[in-house]
Amino acid sequence: METLPPELHVRIFAYACMDDGAIGRSLSSVSRYIREVSSPFQWQSVSLVGHENMLTFAGLVRQTRTKRPIYHLFLSDGTPPFPRPDHVYGDSKHFHQSVELRDALRSILAFAAPTLDTLTFYSVATFLGGGASIAYLLSISYPRLTELTIRGRCTPVQLTSLSQSLGTFPHEMPSLRRLHLAIPCHGFAYGNLQEIHSFIRCVAPNVTHFRLSMLDMWGSKRVAEVLHAELAASGIVKPMLELPCLPGETSAIAIAQEVAWDVLLPKSLQLFVIQPSPTKNFYCSCCMEFRGDVDVMRVFEKLSEEADESRFLLFNRGSTACMGYGSNEAKQDWLDRMDDGTGCWKQRDEAIQEPDDDRLFSRSIPQSPPLSSSLPTKYERKSSFSTKIRKFMKKLKIF
């Protein structure tokens, strides 16, 4: 390293600092020279998990006087053990903590917005606190953002209501092409279908990839009806589907309805991915039968069989403990897309291990240590800094 010119050091650091922030943090502790030369690249990709890391990084952002671009950002407002799914409303203490977190969130996003390419926000907070954070996130302009993943506990209707009460309104993202919403949808009832339609048209008018991961335990009969109708209207599947029979049936046919609602799938869409609710046996409020949703799932599965997989994909249910889309999975998808992988747009051959309860959460995921240097991080990648340098040197044919 000592024999290489600074220009080559700059190229090496720019290439190396494309993990979750671990390398940038290490570089800041090597020497004064390394810290100064690598400084513009240390924040190229940043992962912040938990209140403490986000508050600390927000303080660093407010103090910085130089431009340090952030291209890839992963944010999570909680650290293990997470609140359990049935803790919906929370208490006033948690809400006040959320207010402090949202101030930090706004500082971080305002700093990163001009250069941001990919953004994942994973909220484990109550629908009130998490929804308010999402509302603030969407009110910021992101001129270069191409991919956005949002995981939260608020429905589209609740998000709209929170935005109106807070006076924050979604801002159009002209470059956004890939949108993943992991949210409860209440079976597209109570105006949630209309709100998803309005959200996409407002925030992502040019979206080409849309994934909907449904996190609630509501019945999905209406969801299947909407998808069948819209996919048939687009020529992706047939209007009439022959379904496998359930016990007591001699024949089963699903006929697509006429689309008489504001469509969910925009004309610009190239691929739609849906992950059904992470439940198998429950009282289906829309089917009104104690038969779970097996009759609905057979429609989803038939749609998946009939459709071109380049246009429509059906993903396996997520685990109930993670409410459909786990934190480990979200983090891995973010890292994978940063490396030009498929990320959340392809079904994994093997499910990422996610904890089953709070006890497993605290045991299987390491706690994030307090930040003491200039760049926060939570996880370390497998590739070391020296390995990345060697690979980069080989590309430059120096060795």
Protein backbone atom coordinates (compact mmCIF):
# COMPACT_ATOMS: atom_id res chain seq x y z
CA MET A 1 0.00 0.00 0.00
CA GLU A 2 2.82 2.40 0.80
CA THR A 3 4.20 2.17 -2.75
CA LEU A 4 0.93 2.95 -4.48
CA PRO A 5 0.02 6.52 -5.52
CA PRO A 6 -2.92 8.27 -3.82
CA GLU A 7 -4.95 8.09 -7.03
CA LEU A 8 -4.92 4.31 -6.86
CA HIS A 9 -5.75 4.38 -3.15
CA VAL A 10 -8.82 6.43 -4.02
CA ARG A 11 -9.99 3.85 -6.55
CA ILE A 12 -9.39 1.01 -4.11
CA PHE A 13 -11.32 2.70 -1.31
CA ALA A 14 -14.21 3.56 -3.64
CA TYR A 15 -14.47 -0.10 -4.61
CA ALA A 16 -13.97 -1.49 -1.12
CA CYS A 17 -16.56 0.67 0.66
CA MET A 18 -19.54 -1.08 -0.91
CA ASP A 19 -20.54 -3.37 1.95
CA ASP A 20 -22.79 -2.44 4.86
CA GLY A 21 -20.34 0.12 6.26
CA ALA A 22 -17.94 -2.20 8.09
CA ILE A 23 -14.98 -1.47 5.80
CA GLY A 24 -15.53 2.28 5.93
CA ARG A 25 -15.60 2.14 9.70
CA SER A 26 -12.37 0.12 9.76
CA LEU A 27 -10.63 2.53 7.39
CA SER A 28 -11.41 5.44 9.68
CA SER A 29 -9.38 3.74 12.42
CA VAL A 30 -6.25 2.78 10.45
CA SER A 31 -4.28 6.03 10.24
CA ARG A 32 -4.80 9.72 9.64
CA TYR A 33 -3.78 9.38 5.98
CA ILE A 34 -6.08 6.42 5.30
CA ARG A 35 -8.92 8.10 7.15
CA GLU A 36 -8.60 11.31 5.12
CA VAL A 37 -8.18 9.63 1.73
CA SER A 38 -11.05 7.19 2.31
CA SER A 39 -13.35 9.73 3.95
CA PRO A 40 -15.39 10.58 0.80
CA PHE A 41 -16.17 6.88 0.32
CA GLN A 42 -16.80 5.63 3.85
CA TRP A 43 -20.53 6.33 3.71
CA GLN A 44 -21.23 4.97 0.23
CA SER A 45 -23.28 2.18 1.79
CA VAL A 46 -24.54 2.40 5.36
CA SER A 47 -26.57 0.05 7.55
CA LEU A 48 -28.16 1.48 10.70
CA VAL A 49 -30.08 -0.87 12.99
CA GLY A 50 -31.73 0.40 16.16
CA HIS A 51 -32.36 3.73 17.85
CA GLU A 52 -28.86 4.18 19.21
CA ASN A 53 -27.10 3.73 15.88
CA MET A 54 -29.53 5.99 14.06
CA LEU A 55 -29.31 8.75 16.67
CA THR A 56 -25.51 8.58 16.71
CA PHE A 57 -25.22 8.70 12.93
CA ALA A 58 -27.70 11.59 12.77
CA GLY A 59 -25.36 13.51 15.07
CA LEU A 60 -22.43 12.81 12.74
CA VAL A 61 -24.45 13.92 9.73
CA ARG A 62 -25.37 17.22 11.39
CA GLN A 63 -21.72 17.89 12.23
CA THR A 64 -20.15 17.05 8.88
CA ARG A 65 -19.02 19.94 6.71
CA THR A 66 -17.96 17.95 3.65
CA LYS A 67 -20.03 16.11 1.09
CA ARG A 68 -19.95 12.37 1.72
CA PRO A 69 -22.34 10.62 -0.68
CA ILE A 70 -24.57 7.79 0.48
CA TYR A 71 -25.68 5.51 -2.35
CA HIS A 72 -27.17 2.56 -0.45
CA LEU A 73 -28.96 2.86 2.89
CA PHE A 74 -30.53 0.25 5.19
CA LEU A 75 -32.50 1.57 8.17
CA SER A 76 -34.25 -0.36 10.92
CA ASP A 77 -35.89 1.29 13.90
CA GLY A 78 -35.51 -1.73 16.19
CA THR A 79 -32.93 -4.12 17.56
CA PRO A 80 -33.55 -7.64 18.87
CA PRO A 81 -35.53 -8.68 20.78
CA PHE A 82 -38.24 -7.13 18.60
CA PRO A 83 -41.77 -6.40 19.83
CA ARG A 84 -44.05 -9.34 19.19
CA PRO A 85 -46.59 -9.03 16.35
CA ASP A 86 -49.54 -8.73 18.74
CA HIS A 87 -48.08 -5.62 20.38
CA VAL A 88 -49.98 -3.27 18.11
CA TYR A 89 -50.62 -0.08 19.99
CA GLY A 90 -47.60 0.26 22.27
CA ASP A 91 -47.44 2.90 25.00
CA SER A 92 -46.70 6.61 25.34
CA LYS A 93 -43.04 5.97 26.21
CA HIS A 94 -42.51 4.17 22.92
CA PHE A 95 -44.26 6.98 21.04
CA HIS A 96 -42.00 9.64 22.55
CA GLN A 97 -38.97 7.54 21.60
CA SER A 98 -40.34 7.47 18.07
CA VAL A 99 -40.51 11.27 17.95
CA GLU A 100 -36.80 11.44 18.74
CA LEU A 101 -36.11 8.75 16.18
CA ARG A 102 -38.05 10.55 13.47
CA ASP A 103 -35.94 13.69 13.98
CA ALA A 104 -32.84 11.57 13.47
CA LEU A 105 -34.43 9.86 10.49
CA ARG A 106 -35.19 13.16 8.80
CA SER A 107 -31.60 14.38 9.29
CA ILE A 108 -30.16 11.18 7.83
CA LEU A 109 -32.52 11.04 4.86
CA ALA A 110 -32.18 14.74 4.04
CA PHE A 111 -28.40 14.27 3.92
CA ALA A 112 -28.54 11.09 1.85
CA ALA A 113 -31.44 11.95 -0.49
CA PRO A 114 -29.51 13.75 -3.31
CA THR A 115 -27.30 10.70 -4.03
CA LEU A 116 -29.33 7.75 -2.77
CA ASP A 117 -29.82 4.83 -5.20
CA THR A 118 -31.33 2.11 -2.98
CA LEU A 119 -33.20 2.47 0.32
CA THR A 120 -34.65 -0.12 2.69
CA PHE A 121 -36.62 0.97 5.75
CA TYR A 122 -37.55 -1.88 8.09
CA SER A 123 -39.88 -0.81 10.89
CA VAL A 124 -40.80 -2.97 13.86
CA ALA A 125 -42.47 -0.09 15.70
CA THR A 126 -46.19 0.19 16.33
CA PHE A 127 -48.35 1.24 13.39
CA LEU A 128 -48.51 4.75 14.88
CA GLY A 129 -44.79 5.32 15.44
CA GLY A 130 -43.62 3.34 12.42
CA GLY A 131 -46.28 4.85 10.18
CA ALA A 132 -45.23 8.37 11.13
CA SER A 133 -41.61 7.55 10.30
CA ILE A 134 -42.65 6.18 6.91
CA ALA A 135 -44.71 9.31 6.27
CA TYR A 136 -41.67 11.51 6.92
CA LEU A 137 -39.52 9.25 4.75
CA LEU A 138 -41.89 9.60 1.80
CA SER A 139 -42.12 13.38 2.11
CA ILE A 140 -38.47 13.84 1.06
CA SER A 141 -37.37 14.19 -2.56
CA TYR A 142 -35.08 11.45 -3.90
CA PRO A 143 -34.05 12.43 -7.44
CA ARG A 144 -31.83 9.37 -8.03
CA LEU A 145 -33.55 6.65 -6.00
CA THR A 146 -34.17 3.57 -8.16
CA GLU A 147 -35.23 0.96 -5.58
CA LEU A 148 -37.27 1.29 -2.39
CA THR A 149 -38.33 -1.30 0.18
CA ILE A 150 -40.65 -0.35 3.05
CA ARG A 151 -41.66 -2.77 5.80
CA GLY A 152 -44.12 -1.45 8.37
CA ARG A 153 -47.19 -2.30 10.44
CA CYS A 154 -49.49 0.42 9.12
CA THR A 155 -52.01 -0.19 6.36
CA PRO A 156 -52.13 2.13 3.32
CA VAL A 157 -55.25 3.82 4.76
CA GLN A 158 -53.52 4.38 8.11
CA LEU A 159 -50.45 5.79 6.35
CA THR A 160 -52.56 8.28 4.42
CA SER A 161 -54.34 9.35 7.60
CA LEU A 162 -51.03 9.83 9.43
CA SER A 163 -49.59 11.83 6.53
CA GLN A 164 -52.56 14.17 6.56
CA SER A 165 -52.47 14.67 10.33
CA LEU A 166 -48.71 15.34 10.29
CA GLY A 167 -48.88 17.59 7.24
CA THR A 168 -46.39 15.43 5.34
CA PHE A 169 -47.30 14.26 1.86
CA PRO A 170 -45.57 11.75 -0.42
CA HIS A 171 -43.11 13.18 -2.88
CA GLU A 172 -42.78 11.84 -6.40
CA MET A 173 -39.68 9.73 -7.06
CA PRO A 174 -39.11 10.07 -10.82
CA SER A 175 -36.26 7.54 -11.03
CA LEU A 176 -37.91 4.84 -8.90
CA ARG A 177 -38.27 1.61 -10.86
CA ARG A 178 -38.48 -1.08 -8.16
CA LEU A 179 -40.91 -0.84 -5.25
CA HIS A 180 -41.40 -3.41 -2.50
CA LEU A 181 -44.12 -2.85 0.10
CA ALA A 182 -44.22 -5.27 3.05
CA ILE A 183 -47.34 -4.07 4.85
CA PRO A 184 -50.73 -5.25 6.12
CA CYS A 185 -53.42 -4.72 3.47
CA HIS A 186 -56.59 -5.92 5.23
CA GLY A 187 -57.50 -8.03 2.21
CA PHE A 188 -57.80 -4.89 0.03
CA ALA A 189 -60.88 -3.94 2.09
CA TYR A 190 -61.77 -0.59 3.70
CA GLY A 191 -60.20 1.51 0.93
CA ASN A 192 -56.75 -0.05 1.07
CA LEU A 193 -56.79 -1.07 -2.61
CA GLN A 194 -57.58 2.51 -3.60
CA GLU A 195 -54.81 3.85 -1.37
CA ILE A 196 -52.20 1.49 -2.85
CA HIS A 197 -53.30 2.64 -6.31
CA SER A 198 -52.95 6.30 -5.32
CA PHE A 199 -49.62 5.67 -3.61
CA ILE A 200 -48.03 4.05 -6.65
CA ARG A 201 -49.30 6.72 -9.04
CA CYS A 202 -48.04 9.48 -6.75
CA VAL A 203 -44.69 8.10 -5.60
CA ALA A 204 -43.63 5.72 -8.38
CA PRO A 205 -45.37 6.64 -11.65
CA ASN A 206 -42.63 4.91 -13.68
CA VAL A 207 -42.33 1.72 -11.63
CA THR A 208 -41.43 -1.45 -13.55
CA HIS A 209 -41.09 -3.95 -10.65
CA PHE A 210 -43.61 -4.10 -7.82
CA ARG A 211 -43.67 -6.60 -4.96
CA LEU A 212 -46.39 -6.77 -2.33
CA SER A 213 -45.64 -8.79 0.80
CA MET A 214 -48.83 -9.04 2.82
CA LEU A 215 -48.16 -9.09 6.54
CA ASP A 216 -51.58 -9.33 8.16
CA MET A 217 -53.84 -12.28 8.89
CA TRP A 218 -56.86 -11.09 6.96
CA GLY A 219 -58.52 -13.27 4.34
CA SER A 220 -57.27 -12.87 0.79
CA LYS A 221 -60.32 -13.73 -1.33
CA ARG A 222 -60.66 -10.16 -2.57
CA VAL A 223 -56.92 -10.03 -3.28
CA ALA A 224 -57.17 -13.13 -5.48
CA GLU A 225 -60.19 -11.67 -7.31
CA VAL A 226 -58.41 -8.40 -8.01
CA LEU A 227 -55.22 -10.05 -9.23
CA HIS A 228 -57.03 -12.53 -11.45
CA ALA A 229 -59.10 -9.75 -13.03
CA GLU A 230 -56.14 -7.44 -13.65
CA LEU A 231 -53.80 -10.16 -14.87
CA ALA A 232 -56.50 -11.42 -17.25
CA ALA A 233 -57.18 -7.90 -18.51
CA SER A 234 -53.45 -7.55 -19.25
CA GLY A 235 -53.38 -10.85 -21.15
CA ILE A 236 -51.02 -12.50 -18.66
CA VAL A 237 -53.46 -15.27 -17.63
CA LYS A 238 -56.71 -16.70 -18.97
CA PRO A 239 -60.02 -15.24 -17.78
CA MET A 240 -61.19 -18.73 -16.79
CA LEU A 241 -59.08 -20.99 -14.59
CA GLU A 242 -59.76 -24.63 -13.78
CA LEU A 243 -58.86 -25.11 -10.13
CA PRO A 244 -57.99 -28.27 -8.22
CA CYS A 245 -61.01 -29.52 -6.32
CA LEU A 246 -61.27 -29.40 -2.56
CA PRO A 247 -62.94 -32.19 -0.56
CA GLY A 248 -66.64 -32.28 -1.42
CA GLU A 249 -66.24 -30.51 -4.79
CA THR A 250 -66.70 -32.08 -8.21
CA SER A 251 -65.43 -29.08 -10.17
CA ALA A 252 -63.96 -25.67 -9.43
CA ILE A 253 -63.60 -22.75 -11.83
CA ALA A 254 -62.44 -19.19 -11.21
CA ILE A 255 -63.78 -16.59 -13.64
CA ALA A 256 -62.13 -13.19 -13.85
CA GLN A 257 -64.33 -10.25 -12.98
CA GLU A 258 -64.51 -7.08 -14.99
CA VAL A 259 -62.06 -4.49 -13.69
CA ALA A 260 -64.32 -1.81 -12.23
CA TRP A 261 -61.87 -0.27 -9.76
CA ASP A 262 -58.74 1.85 -9.91
CA VAL A 263 -56.22 -0.72 -11.05
CA LEU A 264 -53.49 -1.95 -8.74
CA LEU A 265 -51.00 -2.77 -11.50
CA PRO A 266 -49.83 0.24 -13.56
CA LYS A 267 -49.27 -0.01 -17.32
CA SER A 268 -45.53 0.54 -16.91
CA LEU A 269 -45.22 -2.62 -14.79
CA GLN A 270 -43.02 -5.43 -16.12
CA LEU A 271 -43.01 -7.75 -13.10
CA PHE A 272 -45.43 -8.14 -10.21
CA VAL A 273 -44.55 -10.30 -7.20
CA ILE A 274 -46.93 -11.19 -4.40
CA GLN A 275 -46.24 -12.95 -1.12
CA PRO A 276 -49.47 -13.98 0.62
CA SER A 277 -50.14 -13.50 4.29
CA PRO A 278 -48.02 -15.71 6.59
CA THR A 279 -50.96 -17.75 7.89
CA LYS A 280 -52.48 -21.07 6.96
CA ASN A 281 -55.40 -21.76 9.28
CA PHE A 282 -57.58 -18.95 10.54
CA TYR A 283 -61.15 -17.71 10.39
CA CYS A 284 -61.31 -16.07 6.98
CA SER A 285 -63.36 -12.89 7.39
CA CYS A 286 -64.02 -12.50 3.67
CA CYS A 287 -64.81 -16.14 2.88
CA MET A 288 -66.85 -16.51 6.08
CA GLU A 289 -65.94 -20.17 6.33
CA PHE A 290 -63.76 -21.97 8.82
CA ARG A 291 -61.59 -23.50 6.13
CA GLY A 292 -58.53 -21.27 6.30
CA ASP A 293 -57.56 -19.80 2.96
CA VAL A 294 -56.72 -22.97 1.06
CA ASP A 295 -59.43 -22.15 -1.47
CA VAL A 296 -57.81 -18.76 -2.06
CA MET A 297 -54.28 -20.14 -2.26
CA ARG A 298 -55.26 -22.50 -5.06
CA VAL A 299 -56.24 -19.44 -7.12
CA PHE A 300 -52.86 -17.82 -6.44
CA GLU A 301 -51.07 -21.05 -7.35
CA LYS A 302 -53.05 -21.45 -10.57
CA LEU A 303 -52.28 -17.85 -11.54
CA SER A 304 -48.61 -18.59 -10.97
CA GLU A 305 -48.80 -21.72 -13.15
CA GLU A 306 -50.55 -19.93 -15.99
CA ALA A 307 -48.55 -16.72 -15.99
CA ASP A 308 -45.17 -16.06 -17.56
CA GLU A 309 -42.71 -15.95 -14.65
CA SER A 310 -41.12 -12.85 -16.17
CA ARG A 311 -44.43 -11.04 -15.55
CA PHE A 312 -45.90 -12.56 -12.38
CA LEU A 313 -44.38 -14.46 -9.45
CA LEU A 314 -45.96 -16.03 -6.37
CA PHE A 315 -43.62 -16.28 -3.39
CA ASN A 316 -43.89 -18.70 -0.50
CA ARG A 317 -45.44 -17.44 2.70
CA GLY A 318 -43.04 -15.89 5.17
CA SER A 319 -42.84 -17.10 8.76
CA THR A 320 -45.58 -15.99 11.14
CA ALA A 321 -43.00 -14.95 13.76
CA CYS A 322 -41.54 -12.39 11.34
CA MET A 323 -44.97 -11.37 10.05
CA GLY A 324 -44.04 -12.43 6.55
CA TYR A 325 -40.78 -10.58 5.88
CA GLY A 326 -37.97 -10.97 8.38
CA SER A 327 -35.19 -8.54 9.24
CA ASN A 328 -32.47 -10.99 8.19
CA GLU A 329 -34.17 -11.49 4.84
CA ALA A 330 -34.56 -7.74 4.29
CA LYS A 331 -30.90 -7.11 5.11
CA GLN A 332 -29.71 -9.88 2.79
CA ASP A 333 -31.95 -8.64 -0.04
CA TRP A 334 -30.47 -5.14 0.35
CA LEU A 335 -26.90 -6.46 0.24
CA ASP A 336 -27.70 -8.69 -2.71
CA ARG A 337 -29.14 -5.84 -4.77
CA MET A 338 -26.09 -3.74 -3.96
CA ASP A 339 -24.01 -6.47 -5.63
CA ASP A 340 -26.33 -6.47 -8.68
CA GLY A 341 -28.10 -9.63 -7.49
CA THR A 342 -31.80 -10.43 -7.68
CA GLY A 343 -32.52 -9.53 -4.06
CA CYS A 344 -36.20 -9.62 -3.19
CA TRP A 345 -37.21 -10.21 -6.83
CA LYS A 346 -36.55 -13.94 -6.92
CA GLN A 347 -37.74 -16.74 -4.69
CA ARG A 348 -34.87 -18.10 -2.62
CA ASP A 349 -34.01 -21.77 -2.90
CA GLU A 350 -33.55 -21.89 0.87
CA ALA A 351 -35.31 -19.67 3.37
CA ILE A 352 -33.13 -17.36 5.42
CA GLN A 353 -33.17 -18.40 9.06
CA GLU A 354 -35.42 -16.13 11.06
CA PRO A 355 -36.13 -16.41 14.82
CA ASP A 356 -39.40 -17.90 15.99
CA ASP A 357 -39.88 -15.79 19.10
CA ASP A 358 -38.31 -13.07 21.23
CA ARG A 359 -36.05 -15.53 23.00
CA LEU A 360 -34.63 -16.75 19.69
CA PHE A 361 -34.30 -13.21 18.43
CA SER A 362 -31.96 -12.30 21.25
CA ARG A 363 -29.92 -15.45 20.82
CA SER A 364 -29.56 -15.73 17.04
CA ILE A 365 -28.89 -12.10 16.08
CA PRO A 366 -25.94 -10.30 17.69
CA GLN A 367 -26.66 -7.06 19.47
CA SER A 368 -25.27 -3.97 17.79
CA PRO A 369 -22.52 -2.37 19.91
CA PRO A 370 -22.58 1.37 20.66
CA LEU A 371 -20.86 3.48 18.07
CA SER A 372 -17.51 4.96 18.97
CA SER A 373 -16.17 5.86 15.55
CA SER A 374 -17.30 7.89 12.58
CA LEU A 375 -19.33 5.19 10.80
CA PRO A 376 -21.97 2.96 12.39
CA THR A 377 -22.49 -0.61 11.33
CA LYS A 378 -24.09 -3.79 12.58
CA TYR A 379 -22.97 -6.74 10.54
CA GLU A 380 -19.66 -7.68 8.96
CA ARG A 381 -19.46 -9.11 5.45
CA LYS A 382 -17.58 -12.30 4.72
CA SER A 383 -15.14 -10.60 2.34
CA SER A 384 -12.32 -8.87 4.19
CA PHE A 385 -10.82 -5.55 3.14
CA SER A 386 -7.60 -7.21 1.98
CA THR A 387 -9.56 -9.70 -0.14
CA LYS A 388 -11.41 -6.91 -1.88
CA ILE A 389 -8.17 -5.07 -2.54
CA ARG A 390 -6.61 -8.19 -4.07
CA LYS A 391 -9.61 -8.69 -6.32
CA PHE A 392 -9.49 -5.06 -7.36
CA MET A 393 -5.76 -5.27 -8.05
CA LYS A 394 -6.32 -8.29 -10.29
CA LYS A 395 -8.90 -6.37 -12.25
CA LEU A 396 -6.38 -3.58 -12.76
CA LYS A 397 -3.75 -6.21 -13.68
CA ILE A 398 -1.29 -4.81 -11.15
CA PHE A 399 -0.33 -8.26 -9.86
